[in-house]
């Protein structure tokens, strides 16, 4: 199917982009850091 082939070329993953596996913990830390920086806020656990 052409749609599937187009999607395969356009969709990526963290593993593909980083060239390695990434843990959920590492991903969460990176997301928090990115949101804090982008929004100029400090996120805290409740």
PDB file of N, CA and C in Angstrom:
ATOM      1  N   UNK A   1       0.826  -1.186   0.000  1.00  0.00           N
ATOM      2  CA  UNK A   1       0.000   0.000   0.000  1.00  0.00           C
ATOM      3  C   UNK A   1       0.867   1.245   0.000  1.00  0.00           C
ATOM      4  N   UNK A   2       0.542   2.187  -0.826  1.00  0.00           N
ATOM      5  CA  UNK A   2       1.319   3.427  -0.923  1.00  0.00           C
ATOM      6  C   UNK A   2       1.267   4.237   0.375  1.00  0.00           C
ATOM      7  N   UNK A   3       0.102   4.282   1.010  1.00  0.00           N
ATOM      8  CA  UNK A   3      -0.042   5.054   2.250  1.00  0.00           C
ATOM      9  C   UNK A   3       0.903   4.534   3.317  1.00  0.00           C
ATOM     10  N   UNK A   4       1.029   3.236   3.425  1.00  0.00           N
ATOM     11  CA  UNK A   4       1.917   2.633   4.416  1.00  0.00           C
ATOM     12  C   UNK A   4       3.366   2.982   4.114  1.00  0.00           C
ATOM     13  N   UNK A   5       3.755   2.941   2.867  1.00  0.00           N
ATOM     14  CA  UNK A   5       5.127   3.280   2.497  1.00  0.00           C
ATOM     15  C   UNK A   5       5.440   4.743   2.784  1.00  0.00           C
ATOM     16  N   UNK A   6       4.500   5.628   2.515  1.00  0.00           N
ATOM     17  CA  UNK A   6       4.695   7.052   2.811  1.00  0.00           C
ATOM     18  C   UNK A   6       4.834   7.239   4.322  1.00  0.00           C
ATOM     19  N   UNK A   7       3.982   6.601   5.102  1.00  0.00           N
ATOM     20  CA  UNK A   7       4.033   6.715   6.560  1.00  0.00           C
ATOM     21  C   UNK A   7       5.372   6.212   7.097  1.00  0.00           C
ATOM     22  N   UNK A   8       5.863   5.100   6.588  1.00  0.00           N
ATOM     23  CA  UNK A   8       7.138   4.559   7.052  1.00  0.00           C
ATOM     24  C   UNK A   8       8.285   5.526   6.821  1.00  0.00           C
ATOM     25  N   UNK A   9       8.222   6.304   5.767  1.00  0.00           N
ATOM     26  CA  UNK A   9       9.289   7.274   5.481  1.00  0.00           C
ATOM     27  C   UNK A   9       9.170   8.518   6.351  1.00  0.00           C
ATOM     28  N   UNK A  10       7.964   8.828   6.834  1.00  0.00           N
ATOM     29  CA  UNK A  10       7.748  10.071   7.578  1.00  0.00           C
ATOM     30  C   UNK A  10       7.718   9.895   9.087  1.00  0.00           C
ATOM     31  N   UNK A  11       7.419   8.700   9.560  1.00  0.00           N
ATOM     32  CA  UNK A  11       7.318   8.448  10.996  1.00  0.00           C
ATOM     33  C   UNK A  11       8.673   7.975  11.515  1.00  0.00           C
ATOM     34  N   UNK A  12       9.040   8.462  12.693  1.00  0.00           N
ATOM     35  CA  UNK A  12      10.316   8.073  13.285  1.00  0.00           C
ATOM     36  C   UNK A  12      10.102   7.661  14.736  1.00  0.00           C
ATOM     37  N   UNK A  13      11.153   7.393  15.432  1.00  0.00           N
ATOM     38  CA  UNK A  13      11.095   7.026  16.846  1.00  0.00           C
ATOM     39  C   UNK A  13      12.308   7.615  17.552  1.00  0.00           C
ATOM     40  N   UNK A  14      12.225   7.658  18.869  1.00  0.00           N
ATOM     41  CA  UNK A  14      13.380   8.141  19.629  1.00  0.00           C
ATOM     42  C   UNK A  14      14.586   7.238  19.401  1.00  0.00           C
ATOM     43  N   UNK A  15      14.352   5.930  19.357  1.00  0.00           N
ATOM     44  CA  UNK A  15      15.454   4.993  19.134  1.00  0.00           C
ATOM     45  C   UNK A  15      16.146   5.276  17.801  1.00  0.00           C
ATOM     46  N   UNK A  16      15.353   5.512  16.776  1.00  0.00           N
ATOM     47  CA  UNK A  16      15.923   5.783  15.454  1.00  0.00           C
ATOM     48  C   UNK A  16      16.682   7.111  15.447  1.00  0.00           C
ATOM     49  N   UNK A  17      16.113   8.128  16.055  1.00  0.00           N
ATOM     50  CA  UNK A  17      16.750   9.450  16.052  1.00  0.00           C
ATOM     51  C   UNK A  17      18.002   9.497  16.913  1.00  0.00           C
ATOM     52  N   UNK A  18      17.982   8.798  18.055  1.00  0.00           N
ATOM     53  CA  UNK A  18      19.123   8.820  18.969  1.00  0.00           C
ATOM     54  C   UNK A  18      20.146   7.734  18.660  1.00  0.00           C
ATOM     55  N   UNK A  19      19.724   6.738  17.914  1.00  0.00           N
ATOM     56  CA  UNK A  19      20.624   5.633  17.609  1.00  0.00           C
ATOM     57  C   UNK A  19      20.830   4.687  18.772  1.00  0.00           C
ATOM     58  N   UNK A  20      19.911   4.718  19.728  1.00  0.00           N
ATOM     59  CA  UNK A  20      20.011   3.843  20.905  1.00  0.00           C
ATOM     60  C   UNK A  20      18.655   3.775  21.587  1.00  0.00           C
ATOM     61  N   UNK A  21      18.510   2.788  22.464  1.00  0.00           N
ATOM     62  CA  UNK A  21      17.300   2.689  23.277  1.00  0.00           C
ATOM     63  C   UNK A  21      17.308   3.778  24.336  1.00  0.00           C
ATOM     64  N   UNK A  22      16.134   4.165  24.765  1.00  0.00           N
ATOM     65  CA  UNK A  22      16.004   5.172  25.818  1.00  0.00           C
ATOM     66  C   UNK A  22      14.993   4.658  26.836  1.00  0.00           C
ATOM     67  N   UNK A  23      15.315   4.811  28.109  1.00  0.00           N
ATOM     68  CA  UNK A  23      14.412   4.334  29.155  1.00  0.00           C
ATOM     69  C   UNK A  23      13.275   5.342  29.360  1.00  0.00           C
ATOM     70  N   UNK A  24      12.205   4.866  29.947  1.00  0.00           N
ATOM     71  CA  UNK A  24      11.075   5.743  30.260  1.00  0.00           C
ATOM     72  C   UNK A  24      11.528   6.848  31.217  1.00  0.00           C
ATOM     73  N   UNK A  25      12.366   6.488  32.183  1.00  0.00           N
ATOM     74  CA  UNK A  25      12.867   7.469  33.153  1.00  0.00           C
ATOM     75  C   UNK A  25      13.668   8.570  32.451  1.00  0.00           C
ATOM     76  N   UNK A  26      14.539   8.181  31.526  1.00  0.00           N
ATOM     77  CA  UNK A  26      15.340   9.156  30.791  1.00  0.00           C
ATOM     78  C   UNK A  26      14.450  10.053  29.933  1.00  0.00           C
ATOM     79  N   UNK A  27      13.438   9.451  29.306  1.00  0.00           N
ATOM     80  CA  UNK A  27      12.510  10.215  28.482  1.00  0.00           C
ATOM     81  C   UNK A  27      11.736  11.220  29.334  1.00  0.00           C
ATOM     82  N   UNK A  28      11.246  10.780  30.487  1.00  0.00           N
ATOM     83  CA  UNK A  28      10.496  11.679  31.368  1.00  0.00           C
ATOM     84  C   UNK A  28      11.348  12.863  31.816  1.00  0.00           C
ATOM     85  N   UNK A  29      12.595  12.596  32.179  1.00  0.00           N
ATOM     86  CA  UNK A  29      13.486  13.670  32.620  1.00  0.00           C
ATOM     87  C   UNK A  29      13.719  14.683  31.493  1.00  0.00           C
ATOM     88  N   UNK A  30      13.891  14.184  30.277  1.00  0.00           N
ATOM     89  CA  UNK A  30      14.118  15.071  29.135  1.00  0.00           C
ATOM     90  C   UNK A  30      12.877  15.907  28.833  1.00  0.00           C
ATOM     91  N   UNK A  31      11.701  15.297  28.928  1.00  0.00           N
ATOM     92  CA  UNK A  31      10.457  16.035  28.689  1.00  0.00           C
ATOM     93  C   UNK A  31      10.261  17.141  29.725  1.00  0.00           C
ATOM     94  N   UNK A  32      10.475  16.810  30.995  1.00  0.00           N
ATOM     95  CA  UNK A  32      10.338  17.809  32.055  1.00  0.00           C
ATOM     96  C   UNK A  32      11.313  18.961  31.826  1.00  0.00           C
ATOM     97  N   UNK A  33      12.550  18.640  31.550  1.00  0.00           N
ATOM     98  CA  UNK A  33      13.571  19.671  31.308  1.00  0.00           C
ATOM     99  C   UNK A  33      13.184  20.554  30.126  1.00  0.00           C
ATOM    100  N   UNK A  34      12.694  19.933  29.055  1.00  0.00           N
ATOM    101  CA  UNK A  34      12.294  20.688  27.867  1.00  0.00           C
ATOM    102  C   UNK A  34      11.119  21.605  28.130  1.00  0.00           C
ATOM    103  N   UNK A  35      10.090  21.108  28.834  1.00  0.00           N
ATOM    104  CA  UNK A  35       8.939  21.943  29.165  1.00  0.00           C
ATOM    105  C   UNK A  35       9.346  23.099  30.077  1.00  0.00           C
ATOM    106  N   UNK A  36      10.196  22.814  31.064  1.00  0.00           N
ATOM    107  CA  UNK A  36      10.654  23.868  31.971  1.00  0.00           C
ATOM    108  C   UNK A  36      11.377  24.970  31.202  1.00  0.00           C
ATOM    109  N   UNK A  37      12.230  24.569  30.301  1.00  0.00           N
ATOM    110  CA  UNK A  37      12.995  25.542  29.520  1.00  0.00           C
ATOM    111  C   UNK A  37      12.089  26.325  28.568  1.00  0.00           C
ATOM    112  N   UNK A  38      11.219  25.625  27.870  1.00  0.00           N
ATOM    113  CA  UNK A  38      10.357  26.280  26.875  1.00  0.00           C
ATOM    114  C   UNK A  38       9.349  27.224  27.526  1.00  0.00           C
ATOM    115  N   UNK A  39       8.837  26.834  28.696  1.00  0.00           N
ATOM    116  CA  UNK A  39       7.805  27.630  29.340  1.00  0.00           C
ATOM    117  C   UNK A  39       8.343  28.530  30.452  1.00  0.00           C
ATOM    118  N   UNK A  40       9.650  28.436  30.697  1.00  0.00           N
ATOM    119  CA  UNK A  40      10.295  29.217  31.754  1.00  0.00           C
ATOM    120  C   UNK A  40       9.575  29.038  33.092  1.00  0.00           C
ATOM    121  N   UNK A  41       9.375  27.760  33.454  1.00  0.00           N
ATOM    122  CA  UNK A  41       8.724  27.419  34.703  1.00  0.00           C
ATOM    123  C   UNK A  41       9.516  26.311  35.385  1.00  0.00           C
ATOM    124  N   UNK A  42       9.197  26.085  36.649  1.00  0.00           N
ATOM    125  CA  UNK A  42       9.793  24.968  37.397  1.00  0.00           C
ATOM    126  C   UNK A  42       8.670  24.004  37.715  1.00  0.00           C
ATOM    127  N   UNK A  43       8.728  22.791  37.187  1.00  0.00           N
ATOM    128  CA  UNK A  43       7.727  21.776  37.466  1.00  0.00           C
ATOM    129  C   UNK A  43       8.121  21.026  38.731  1.00  0.00           C
ATOM    130  N   UNK A  44       7.158  20.761  39.589  1.00  0.00           N
ATOM    131  CA  UNK A  44       7.423  20.025  40.827  1.00  0.00           C
ATOM    132  C   UNK A  44       6.454  18.861  40.934  1.00  0.00           C
ATOM    133  N   UNK A  45       6.906  17.798  41.582  1.00  0.00           N
ATOM    134  CA  UNK A  45       6.039  16.641  41.824  1.00  0.00           C
ATOM    135  C   UNK A  45       5.086  16.964  42.950  1.00  0.00           C
ATOM    136  N   UNK A  46       3.894  16.423  42.849  1.00  0.00           N
ATOM    137  CA  UNK A  46       2.887  16.660  43.891  1.00  0.00           C
ATOM    138  C   UNK A  46       2.778  15.459  44.778  1.00  0.00           C
TER     139      UNK A  46
END
